[in-house]
N, C-alpha and C. Protein backbone atom coordinates (compact mmCIF):
# COMPACT_ATOMS: atom_id res chain seq x y z
N MET A 1 0.55 -1.60 0.02
CA MET A 1 0.17 -0.03 -0.14
C MET A 1 0.98 1.09 -0.19
N GLY A 2 1.54 1.34 0.65
CA GLY A 2 2.93 2.20 0.69
C GLY A 2 3.40 3.08 -0.80
N ASN A 3 3.53 1.75 -1.21
CA ASN A 3 4.27 2.35 -2.54
C ASN A 3 2.99 2.81 -3.47
N ARG A 4 1.96 2.71 -3.32
CA ARG A 4 0.88 3.09 -4.03
C ARG A 4 0.94 4.69 -3.97
N VAL A 5 0.76 4.96 -2.57
CA VAL A 5 0.71 6.05 -1.81
C VAL A 5 2.01 6.56 -2.15
N THR A 6 3.02 6.34 -2.04
CA THR A 6 4.37 7.54 -2.55
C THR A 6 4.36 7.67 -4.11
N ARG A 7 3.67 6.53 -4.73
CA ARG A 7 3.51 6.79 -6.42
C ARG A 7 2.29 8.13 -6.40
N TRP A 8 1.43 8.14 -6.10
CA TRP A 8 0.48 9.09 -5.85
C TRP A 8 1.00 9.90 -5.24
N TRP A 9 1.53 10.21 -4.51
CA TRP A 9 2.29 11.47 -3.74
C TRP A 9 3.09 12.27 -5.02
N LYS A 10 3.90 11.53 -5.56
CA LYS A 10 5.28 11.88 -6.23
C LYS A 10 3.91 12.60 -7.61
N GLY A 11 3.08 11.77 -8.11
CA GLY A 11 2.29 12.68 -8.93
C GLY A 11 1.70 14.12 -8.70
N ARG A 12 1.80 14.40 -7.64
CA ARG A 12 0.56 15.81 -7.21
C ARG A 12 1.88 16.79 -7.44
N SER A 13 1.27 17.90 -7.41
CA SER A 13 2.08 18.75 -8.02
C SER A 13 2.30 19.55 -7.04
N THR A 14 2.91 20.39 -6.72
CA THR A 14 3.30 21.51 -5.33
C THR A 14 2.14 22.10 -4.83
N ASN A 15 1.44 22.86 -5.25
CA ASN A 15 0.56 23.65 -4.81
C ASN A 15 -0.33 22.39 -4.30
N GLU A 16 -0.97 21.65 -5.39
CA GLU A 16 -1.61 20.18 -4.39
C GLU A 16 -1.02 19.69 -2.82
N LYS A 17 -0.07 19.12 -3.20
CA LYS A 17 0.30 19.10 -1.92
C LYS A 17 0.51 19.89 -0.75
N LEU A 18 0.85 21.16 -1.22
CA LEU A 18 0.63 21.86 0.23
C LEU A 18 -0.98 21.83 0.52
N MET A 19 -1.44 22.14 -0.34
CA MET A 19 -3.18 22.16 -0.09
C MET A 19 -3.68 20.75 0.92
N TYR A 20 -3.14 19.93 0.31
CA TYR A 20 -3.00 18.32 1.73
C TYR A 20 -2.31 18.58 2.77
N LEU A 21 -1.44 19.18 2.77
CA LEU A 21 -0.60 19.10 4.20
C LEU A 21 -1.42 20.53 5.02
N LEU A 22 -1.96 21.31 4.43
CA LEU A 22 -2.69 22.41 5.12
C LEU A 22 -3.86 21.50 5.87
N ILE A 23 -4.65 20.61 4.73
CA ILE A 23 -5.69 20.46 5.12
C ILE A 23 -5.44 19.25 6.43
N GLY A 24 -4.87 18.40 6.28
CA GLY A 24 -3.64 17.31 7.28
C GLY A 24 -3.51 18.34 8.57
N ALA A 25 -3.05 19.64 8.09
CA ALA A 25 -2.63 20.25 9.65
C ALA A 25 -3.69 20.87 10.31
N LEU A 26 -4.99 21.08 9.74
CA LEU A 26 -6.33 21.49 10.20
C LEU A 26 -6.91 20.59 10.60
N VAL A 27 -6.80 19.22 10.08
CA VAL A 27 -7.59 18.29 10.69
C VAL A 27 -6.69 17.73 11.75
N VAL A 28 -5.53 17.47 12.05
CA VAL A 28 -4.87 17.27 13.47
C VAL A 28 -5.12 18.23 14.36
N GLY A 29 -5.29 19.60 13.97
CA GLY A 29 -5.31 20.89 15.12
C GLY A 29 -6.53 20.35 15.67
N ILE A 30 -7.52 20.45 14.56
CA ILE A 30 -8.89 20.48 15.14
C ILE A 30 -9.36 18.74 15.80
N ALA A 31 -8.72 17.81 15.34
CA ALA A 31 -9.04 16.54 16.31
C ALA A 31 -8.28 16.60 17.51
N THR A 32 -6.97 17.28 17.67
CA THR A 32 -6.35 17.27 18.92
C THR A 32 -7.26 18.10 20.37
N ARG A 33 -7.72 18.96 19.55
CA ARG A 33 -8.40 19.99 20.54
C ARG A 33 -9.56 19.20 20.81
N TRP A 34 -10.54 18.39 19.72
CA TRP A 34 -11.49 18.18 20.02
C TRP A 34 -11.55 16.73 20.77
N ARG A 35 -10.48 16.21 20.67
CA ARG A 35 -10.31 15.02 21.72
C ARG A 35 -10.02 15.39 22.99
N PHE A 36 -9.61 16.48 23.16
CA PHE A 36 -9.80 16.95 25.00
C PHE A 36 -11.13 16.99 25.33
N VAL A 37 -11.97 17.45 24.56
CA VAL A 37 -13.19 18.03 24.43
C VAL A 37 -14.13 16.99 24.97
N PHE A 38 -14.10 15.75 23.83
CA PHE A 38 -14.40 14.39 23.57
C PHE A 38 -13.99 13.70 24.97
N GLY A 39 -12.79 14.02 25.11
CA GLY A 39 -12.67 12.87 26.47
C GLY A 39 -13.26 13.36 27.55
N GLU A 40 -13.25 14.50 27.42
CA GLU A 40 -14.00 15.03 28.97
C GLU A 40 -15.53 14.15 28.99
N ALA A 41 -16.22 14.47 27.67
CA ALA A 41 -17.53 13.96 27.58
C ALA A 41 -17.56 12.46 27.88
N ALA A 42 -16.47 11.78 27.08
CA ALA A 42 -16.27 10.52 27.45
C ALA A 42 -16.53 9.82 28.93
N GLU A 43 -15.29 10.59 28.90
CA GLU A 43 -14.98 10.22 31.10
C GLU A 43 -16.27 10.47 31.85
N ALA A 44 -17.00 11.46 31.43
CA ALA A 44 -18.27 11.39 32.12
C ALA A 44 -19.28 10.52 31.79
N PHE A 45 -19.71 10.00 30.47
CA PHE A 45 -20.29 8.89 30.09
C PHE A 45 -20.17 7.76 30.93
N ARG A 46 -18.78 7.51 30.86
CA ARG A 46 -17.98 6.51 31.87
C ARG A 46 -18.53 6.41 33.08
N HIS A 47 -18.22 7.58 33.65
CA HIS A 47 -18.92 7.06 35.32
C HIS A 47 -20.35 6.93 35.50
N ILE A 48 -21.28 7.74 34.28
CA ILE A 48 -22.59 7.45 34.39
C ILE A 48 -23.12 6.10 33.75
N PHE A 49 -22.21 5.32 32.72
CA PHE A 49 -22.63 3.78 32.63
C PHE A 49 -21.94 3.04 32.75
N GLY A 50 -21.06 3.73 33.36
CA GLY A 50 -19.93 2.34 33.59
C GLY A 50 -19.95 1.86 35.25
N ARG A 51 -21.33 2.04 36.22
CA ARG A 51 -21.35 1.42 37.44
C ARG A 51 -21.38 0.10 37.65
């Protein structure tokens, strides 16, 4: 699988790569922030349902 991804990545233009990296950075940033929020919520649910 990694080989196909590498070949696909090399076929992208620089602008496309930058766009994908920007989207990736946004996704990671949002995921990190929301994991904190959802972590709190999950903890609360665990206390409610985990008796």
